[in-house]
Amino acid sequence: MSSKKGTLSAGRPSVKASDKRKAATLASLSDEQPKKRVNFELSADQHAKLKIYAARQGKTVKELLTEYIRSLPEE
């Protein structure tokens, strides 16, 4: 909330400005690479087949696909 009573501002109310700066600093020190979201459509049958296969492997679809992508050769 801004200093004027009754005026709203964007952002999460539970995050203070000092916390935002601290989080950005910690993120910049992280060894993690930036993430990209992958989104695509499957037929209901393909989706069921993938979910069943992942479950039989004891993994989530995300784990299964991430492991597969890691196994691809570097070019």
PDB file of N, CA and C in Angstrom:
ATOM      1  N   MET A   1       0.828  -1.183   0.000  1.00  0.00           N
ATOM      2  CA  MET A   1       0.000   0.000   0.000  1.00  0.00           C
ATOM      3  C   MET A   1       0.864   1.236   0.000  1.00  0.00           C
ATOM      4  N   SER A   2       0.440   2.262  -0.688  1.00  0.00           N
ATOM      5  CA  SER A   2       1.232   3.483  -0.707  1.00  0.00           C
ATOM      6  C   SER A   2       0.966   4.277   0.559  1.00  0.00           C
ATOM      7  N   SER A   3       1.658   5.415   0.703  1.00  0.00           N
ATOM      8  CA  SER A   3       1.524   6.210   1.919  1.00  0.00           C
ATOM      9  C   SER A   3       0.162   6.902   2.018  1.00  0.00           C
ATOM     10  N   LYS A   4      -0.506   7.125   0.882  1.00  0.00           N
ATOM     11  CA  LYS A   4      -1.836   7.730   0.912  1.00  0.00           C
ATOM     12  C   LYS A   4      -2.845   6.685   1.344  1.00  0.00           C
ATOM     13  N   LYS A   5      -3.661   7.037   2.306  1.00  0.00           N
ATOM     14  CA  LYS A   5      -4.645   6.090   2.811  1.00  0.00           C
ATOM     15  C   LYS A   5      -5.691   5.813   1.731  1.00  0.00           C
ATOM     16  N   GLY A   6      -5.977   4.515   1.514  1.00  0.00           N
ATOM     17  CA  GLY A   6      -6.992   4.130   0.546  1.00  0.00           C
ATOM     18  C   GLY A   6      -6.468   3.927  -0.861  1.00  0.00           C
ATOM     19  N   THR A   7      -5.189   4.172  -1.100  1.00  0.00           N
ATOM     20  CA  THR A   7      -4.612   3.983  -2.426  1.00  0.00           C
ATOM     21  C   THR A   7      -3.956   2.608  -2.488  1.00  0.00           C
ATOM     22  N   LEU A   8      -4.280   1.835  -3.520  1.00  0.00           N
ATOM     23  CA  LEU A   8      -3.719   0.505  -3.680  1.00  0.00           C
ATOM     24  C   LEU A   8      -2.520   0.544  -4.611  1.00  0.00           C
ATOM     25  N   SER A   9      -1.612  -0.408  -4.404  1.00  0.00           N
ATOM     26  CA  SER A   9      -0.481  -0.536  -5.313  1.00  0.00           C
ATOM     27  C   SER A   9      -0.320  -2.007  -5.679  1.00  0.00           C
ATOM     28  N   ALA A  10       0.320  -2.255  -6.797  1.00  0.00           N
ATOM     29  CA  ALA A  10       0.519  -3.625  -7.258  1.00  0.00           C
ATOM     30  C   ALA A  10       1.581  -4.311  -6.417  1.00  0.00           C
ATOM     31  N   GLY A  11       1.543  -5.625  -6.410  1.00  0.00           N
ATOM     32  CA  GLY A  11       2.555  -6.390  -5.695  1.00  0.00           C
ATOM     33  C   GLY A  11       1.936  -7.237  -4.615  1.00  0.00           C
ATOM     34  N   ARG A  12       2.727  -8.138  -4.092  1.00  0.00           N
ATOM     35  CA  ARG A  12       2.257  -9.014  -3.031  1.00  0.00           C
ATOM     36  C   ARG A  12       2.341  -8.274  -1.708  1.00  0.00           C
ATOM     37  N   PRO A  13       1.266  -8.216  -0.966  1.00  0.00           N
ATOM     38  CA  PRO A  13       1.281  -7.470   0.287  1.00  0.00           C
ATOM     39  C   PRO A  13       2.215  -8.069   1.326  1.00  0.00           C
ATOM     40  N   SER A  14       2.526  -9.356   1.209  1.00  0.00           N
ATOM     41  CA  SER A  14       3.391  -9.989   2.202  1.00  0.00           C
ATOM     42  C   SER A  14       4.870  -9.752   1.927  1.00  0.00           C
ATOM     43  N   VAL A  15       5.202  -9.159   0.789  1.00  0.00           N
ATOM     44  CA  VAL A  15       6.596  -8.922   0.430  1.00  0.00           C
ATOM     45  C   VAL A  15       6.920  -7.446   0.610  1.00  0.00           C
ATOM     46  N   LYS A  16       7.843  -7.166   1.490  1.00  0.00           N
ATOM     47  CA  LYS A  16       8.270  -5.784   1.715  1.00  0.00           C
ATOM     48  C   LYS A  16       9.310  -5.410   0.666  1.00  0.00           C
ATOM     49  N   ALA A  17       9.509  -4.129   0.458  1.00  0.00           N
ATOM     50  CA  ALA A  17      10.487  -3.664  -0.530  1.00  0.00           C
ATOM     51  C   ALA A  17      11.878  -4.180  -0.190  1.00  0.00           C
ATOM     52  N   SER A  18      12.253  -4.203   1.084  1.00  0.00           N
ATOM     53  CA  SER A  18      13.582  -4.687   1.466  1.00  0.00           C
ATOM     54  C   SER A  18      13.725  -6.174   1.164  1.00  0.00           C
ATOM     55  N   ASP A  19      12.642  -6.950   1.301  1.00  0.00           N
ATOM     56  CA  ASP A  19      12.673  -8.374   0.984  1.00  0.00           C
ATOM     57  C   ASP A  19      12.869  -8.599  -0.508  1.00  0.00           C
ATOM     58  N   LYS A  20      12.263  -7.742  -1.335  1.00  0.00           N
ATOM     59  CA  LYS A  20      12.423  -7.861  -2.790  1.00  0.00           C
ATOM     60  C   LYS A  20      13.885  -7.680  -3.174  1.00  0.00           C
ATOM     61  N   ARG A  21      14.542  -6.676  -2.601  1.00  0.00           N
ATOM     62  CA  ARG A  21      15.958  -6.443  -2.911  1.00  0.00           C
ATOM     63  C   ARG A  21      16.801  -7.631  -2.458  1.00  0.00           C
ATOM     64  N   LYS A  22      16.511  -8.162  -1.290  1.00  0.00           N
ATOM     65  CA  LYS A  22      17.255  -9.293  -0.756  1.00  0.00           C
ATOM     66  C   LYS A  22      17.075 -10.512  -1.656  1.00  0.00           C
ATOM     67  N   ALA A  23      15.857 -10.787  -2.103  1.00  0.00           N
ATOM     68  CA  ALA A  23      15.587 -11.934  -2.968  1.00  0.00           C
ATOM     69  C   ALA A  23      16.312 -11.791  -4.301  1.00  0.00           C
ATOM     70  N   ALA A  24      16.316 -10.596  -4.858  1.00  0.00           N
ATOM     71  CA  ALA A  24      17.001 -10.382  -6.127  1.00  0.00           C
ATOM     72  C   ALA A  24      18.492 -10.624  -5.968  1.00  0.00           C
ATOM     73  N   THR A  25      19.053 -10.212  -4.857  1.00  0.00           N
ATOM     74  CA  THR A  25      20.477 -10.419  -4.615  1.00  0.00           C
ATOM     75  C   THR A  25      20.777 -11.903  -4.474  1.00  0.00           C
ATOM     76  N   LEU A  26      19.957 -12.628  -3.725  1.00  0.00           N
ATOM     77  CA  LEU A  26      20.168 -14.061  -3.573  1.00  0.00           C
ATOM     78  C   LEU A  26      20.002 -14.791  -4.894  1.00  0.00           C
ATOM     79  N   ALA A  27      19.031 -14.390  -5.696  1.00  0.00           N
ATOM     80  CA  ALA A  27      18.819 -15.020  -6.998  1.00  0.00           C
ATOM     81  C   ALA A  27      20.018 -14.802  -7.905  1.00  0.00           C
ATOM     82  N   SER A  28      20.620 -13.635  -7.831  1.00  0.00           N
ATOM     83  CA  SER A  28      21.759 -13.350  -8.697  1.00  0.00           C
ATOM     84  C   SER A  28      22.979 -14.173  -8.303  1.00  0.00           C
ATOM     85  N   LEU A  29      23.042 -14.648  -7.062  1.00  0.00           N
ATOM     86  CA  LEU A  29      24.153 -15.476  -6.610  1.00  0.00           C
ATOM     87  C   LEU A  29      23.935 -16.957  -6.909  1.00  0.00           C
ATOM     88  N   SER A  30      22.741 -17.321  -7.298  1.00  0.00           N
ATOM     89  CA  SER A  30      22.394 -18.716  -7.533  1.00  0.00           C
ATOM     90  C   SER A  30      23.121 -19.263  -8.761  1.00  0.00           C
ATOM     91  N   ASP A  31      23.420 -20.562  -8.715  1.00  0.00           N
ATOM     92  CA  ASP A  31      24.061 -21.229  -9.849  1.00  0.00           C
ATOM     93  C   ASP A  31      23.041 -21.706 -10.873  1.00  0.00           C
ATOM     94  N   GLU A  32      21.752 -21.586 -10.545  1.00  0.00           N
ATOM     95  CA  GLU A  32      20.716 -22.058 -11.457  1.00  0.00           C
ATOM     96  C   GLU A  32      20.639 -21.199 -12.706  1.00  0.00           C
ATOM     97  N   GLN A  33      20.395 -21.867 -13.827  1.00  0.00           N
ATOM     98  CA  GLN A  33      20.185 -21.154 -15.079  1.00  0.00           C
ATOM     99  C   GLN A  33      18.739 -20.683 -15.131  1.00  0.00           C
ATOM    100  N   PRO A  34      18.481 -19.641 -15.909  1.00  0.00           N
ATOM    101  CA  PRO A  34      17.088 -19.190 -16.058  1.00  0.00           C
ATOM    102  C   PRO A  34      16.227 -20.320 -16.615  1.00  0.00           C
ATOM    103  N   LYS A  35      14.987 -20.366 -16.197  1.00  0.00           N
ATOM    104  CA  LYS A  35      14.069 -21.423 -16.617  1.00  0.00           C
ATOM    105  C   LYS A  35      13.198 -20.952 -17.774  1.00  0.00           C
ATOM    106  N   LYS A  36      12.803 -21.886 -18.609  1.00  0.00           N
ATOM    107  CA  LYS A  36      11.863 -21.646 -19.705  1.00  0.00           C
ATOM    108  C   LYS A  36      10.719 -22.632 -19.562  1.00  0.00           C
ATOM    109  N   ARG A  37       9.511 -22.162 -19.754  1.00  0.00           N
ATOM    110  CA  ARG A  37       8.335 -23.029 -19.668  1.00  0.00           C
ATOM    111  C   ARG A  37       8.083 -23.639 -21.042  1.00  0.00           C
ATOM    112  N   VAL A  38       7.789 -24.935 -21.064  1.00  0.00           N
ATOM    113  CA  VAL A  38       7.453 -25.646 -22.286  1.00  0.00           C
ATOM    114  C   VAL A  38       5.975 -26.025 -22.188  1.00  0.00           C
ATOM    115  N   ASN A  39       5.234 -25.687 -23.213  1.00  0.00           N
ATOM    116  CA  ASN A  39       3.799 -25.936 -23.197  1.00  0.00           C
ATOM    117  C   ASN A  39       3.382 -26.453 -24.567  1.00  0.00           C
ATOM    118  N   PHE A  40       2.774 -27.631 -24.602  1.00  0.00           N
ATOM    119  CA  PHE A  40       2.289 -28.171 -25.865  1.00  0.00           C
ATOM    120  C   PHE A  40       1.077 -29.041 -25.602  1.00  0.00           C
ATOM    121  N   GLU A  41       0.344 -29.328 -26.646  1.00  0.00           N
ATOM    122  CA  GLU A  41      -0.891 -30.091 -26.514  1.00  0.00           C
ATOM    123  C   GLU A  41      -0.683 -31.534 -26.945  1.00  0.00           C
ATOM    124  N   LEU A  42      -1.360 -32.437 -26.243  1.00  0.00           N
ATOM    125  CA  LEU A  42      -1.403 -33.850 -26.583  1.00  0.00           C
ATOM    126  C   LEU A  42      -2.863 -34.263 -26.666  1.00  0.00           C
ATOM    127  N   SER A  43      -3.108 -35.310 -27.424  1.00  0.00           N
ATOM    128  CA  SER A  43      -4.468 -35.863 -27.408  1.00  0.00           C
ATOM    129  C   SER A  43      -4.690 -36.481 -26.022  1.00  0.00           C
ATOM    130  N   ALA A  44      -5.945 -36.694 -25.680  1.00  0.00           N
ATOM    131  CA  ALA A  44      -6.263 -37.300 -24.383  1.00  0.00           C
ATOM    132  C   ALA A  44      -5.612 -38.684 -24.267  1.00  0.00           C
ATOM    133  N   ASP A  45      -5.595 -39.430 -25.358  1.00  0.00           N
ATOM    134  CA  ASP A  45      -4.979 -40.758 -25.350  1.00  0.00           C
ATOM    135  C   ASP A  45      -3.472 -40.675 -25.115  1.00  0.00           C
ATOM    136  N   GLN A  46      -2.807 -39.744 -25.792  1.00  0.00           N
ATOM    137  CA  GLN A  46      -1.364 -39.572 -25.611  1.00  0.00           C
ATOM    138  C   GLN A  46      -1.042 -39.141 -24.183  1.00  0.00           C
ATOM    139  N   HIS A  47      -1.851 -38.238 -23.648  1.00  0.00           N
ATOM    140  CA  HIS A  47      -1.633 -37.754 -22.286  1.00  0.00           C
ATOM    141  C   HIS A  47      -1.781 -38.898 -21.285  1.00  0.00           C
ATOM    142  N   ALA A  48      -2.819 -39.705 -21.446  1.00  0.00           N
ATOM    143  CA  ALA A  48      -3.029 -40.846 -20.556  1.00  0.00           C
ATOM    144  C   ALA A  48      -1.862 -41.824 -20.655  1.00  0.00           C
ATOM    145  N   LYS A  49      -1.412 -42.096 -21.874  1.00  0.00           N
ATOM    146  CA  LYS A  49      -0.289 -43.011 -22.086  1.00  0.00           C
ATOM    147  C   LYS A  49       0.973 -42.495 -21.391  1.00  0.00           C
ATOM    148  N   LEU A  50       1.234 -41.197 -21.512  1.00  0.00           N
ATOM    149  CA  LEU A  50       2.403 -40.592 -20.874  1.00  0.00           C
ATOM    150  C   LEU A  50       2.299 -40.657 -19.354  1.00  0.00           C
ATOM    151  N   LYS A  51       1.129 -40.325 -18.811  1.00  0.00           N
ATOM    152  CA  LYS A  51       0.927 -40.352 -17.360  1.00  0.00           C
ATOM    153  C   LYS A  51       1.082 -41.778 -16.809  1.00  0.00           C
ATOM    154  N   ILE A  52       0.527 -42.766 -17.508  1.00  0.00           N
ATOM    155  CA  ILE A  52       0.638 -44.154 -17.070  1.00  0.00           C
ATOM    156  C   ILE A  52       2.095 -44.610 -17.109  1.00  0.00           C
ATOM    157  N   TYR A  53       2.793 -44.276 -18.189  1.00  0.00           N
ATOM    158  CA  TYR A  53       4.208 -44.654 -18.297  1.00  0.00           C
ATOM    159  C   TYR A  53       5.017 -44.029 -17.167  1.00  0.00           C
ATOM    160  N   ALA A  54       4.813 -42.747 -16.912  1.00  0.00           N
ATOM    161  CA  ALA A  54       5.539 -42.057 -15.842  1.00  0.00           C
ATOM    162  C   ALA A  54       5.236 -42.707 -14.493  1.00  0.00           C
ATOM    163  N   ALA A  55       3.967 -42.995 -14.235  1.00  0.00           N
ATOM    164  CA  ALA A  55       3.583 -43.611 -12.957  1.00  0.00           C
ATOM    165  C   ALA A  55       4.248 -44.975 -12.785  1.00  0.00           C
ATOM    166  N   ARG A  56       4.305 -45.753 -13.858  1.00  0.00           N
ATOM    167  CA  ARG A  56       4.942 -47.076 -13.786  1.00  0.00           C
ATOM    168  C   ARG A  56       6.441 -46.974 -13.522  1.00  0.00           C
ATOM    169  N   GLN A  57       7.027 -45.863 -13.921  1.00  0.00           N
ATOM    170  CA  GLN A  57       8.446 -45.617 -13.659  1.00  0.00           C
ATOM    171  C   GLN A  57       8.659 -45.012 -12.271  1.00  0.00           C
ATOM    172  N   GLY A  58       7.562 -44.660 -11.602  1.00  0.00           N
ATOM    173  CA  GLY A  58       7.645 -44.028 -10.283  1.00  0.00           C
ATOM    174  C   GLY A  58       8.089 -42.584 -10.363  1.00  0.00           C
ATOM    175  N   LYS A  59       7.748 -41.936 -11.477  1.00  0.00           N
ATOM    176  CA  LYS A  59       8.179 -40.557 -11.715  1.00  0.00           C
ATOM    177  C   LYS A  59       6.996 -39.706 -12.138  1.00  0.00           C
ATOM    178  N   THR A  60       7.189 -38.402 -12.071  1.00  0.00           N
ATOM    179  CA  THR A  60       6.208 -37.483 -12.613  1.00  0.00           C
ATOM    180  C   THR A  60       6.510 -37.292 -14.096  1.00  0.00           C
ATOM    181  N   VAL A  61       5.560 -36.756 -14.832  1.00  0.00           N
ATOM    182  CA  VAL A  61       5.782 -36.464 -16.250  1.00  0.00           C
ATOM    183  C   VAL A  61       6.944 -35.481 -16.378  1.00  0.00           C
ATOM    184  N   LYS A  62       6.995 -34.488 -15.515  1.00  0.00           N
ATOM    185  CA  LYS A  62       8.083 -33.506 -15.551  1.00  0.00           C
ATOM    186  C   LYS A  62       9.436 -34.186 -15.351  1.00  0.00           C
ATOM    187  N   GLU A  63       9.536 -35.062 -14.353  1.00  0.00           N
ATOM    188  CA  GLU A  63      10.796 -35.763 -14.104  1.00  0.00           C
ATOM    189  C   GLU A  63      11.184 -36.612 -15.307  1.00  0.00           C
ATOM    190  N   LEU A  64      10.224 -37.320 -15.856  1.00  0.00           N
ATOM    191  CA  LEU A  64      10.464 -38.190 -17.003  1.00  0.00           C
ATOM    192  C   LEU A  64      10.998 -37.399 -18.195  1.00  0.00           C
ATOM    193  N   LEU A  65      10.317 -36.308 -18.530  1.00  0.00           N
ATOM    194  CA  LEU A  65      10.731 -35.507 -19.687  1.00  0.00           C
ATOM    195  C   LEU A  65      12.050 -34.779 -19.432  1.00  0.00           C
ATOM    196  N   THR A  66      12.259 -34.306 -18.211  1.00  0.00           N
ATOM    197  CA  THR A  66      13.518 -33.619 -17.888  1.00  0.00           C
ATOM    198  C   THR A  66      14.692 -34.582 -18.014  1.00  0.00           C
ATOM    199  N   GLU A  67      14.525 -35.804 -17.503  1.00  0.00           N
ATOM    200  CA  GLU A  67      15.592 -36.804 -17.631  1.00  0.00           C
ATOM    201  C   GLU A  67      15.867 -37.140 -19.095  1.00  0.00           C
ATOM    202  N   TYR A  68      14.808 -37.261 -19.884  1.00  0.00           N
ATOM    203  CA  TYR A  68      14.993 -37.549 -21.304  1.00  0.00           C
ATOM    204  C   TYR A  68      15.782 -36.444 -21.995  1.00  0.00           C
ATOM    205  N   ILE A  69      15.417 -35.200 -21.716  1.00  0.00           N
ATOM    206  CA  ILE A  69      16.100 -34.068 -22.340  1.00  0.00           C
ATOM    207  C   ILE A  69      17.566 -34.026 -21.923  1.00  0.00           C
ATOM    208  N   ARG A  70      17.853 -34.328 -20.650  1.00  0.00           N
ATOM    209  CA  ARG A  70      19.255 -34.372 -20.189  1.00  0.00           C
ATOM    210  C   ARG A  70      20.047 -35.444 -20.924  1.00  0.00           C
ATOM    211  N   SER A  71      19.378 -36.525 -21.332  1.00  0.00           N
ATOM    212  CA  SER A  71      20.075 -37.635 -21.999  1.00  0.00           C
ATOM    213  C   SER A  71      20.397 -37.330 -23.469  1.00  0.00           C
ATOM    214  N   LEU A  72      19.804 -36.290 -24.013  1.00  0.00           N
ATOM    215  CA  LEU A  72      20.061 -35.954 -25.413  1.00  0.00           C
ATOM    216  C   LEU A  72      21.515 -35.505 -25.585  1.00  0.00           C
ATOM    217  N   PRO A  73      22.130 -35.873 -26.709  1.00  0.00           N
ATOM    218  CA  PRO A  73      23.538 -35.489 -26.920  1.00  0.00           C
ATOM    219  C   PRO A  73      23.677 -33.976 -27.145  1.00  0.00           C
ATOM    220  N   GLU A  74      24.789 -33.454 -26.668  1.00  0.00           N
ATOM    221  CA  GLU A  74      25.111 -32.036 -26.929  1.00  0.00           C
ATOM    222  C   GLU A  74      25.567 -31.930 -28.379  1.00  0.00           C
ATOM    223  N   GLU A  75      25.120 -30.902 -29.051  1.00  0.00           N
ATOM    224  CA  GLU A  75      25.513 -30.768 -30.475  1.00  0.00           C
ATOM    225  C   GLU A  75      26.326 -29.548 -30.706  1.00  0.00           C
TER     226      GLU A  75
END
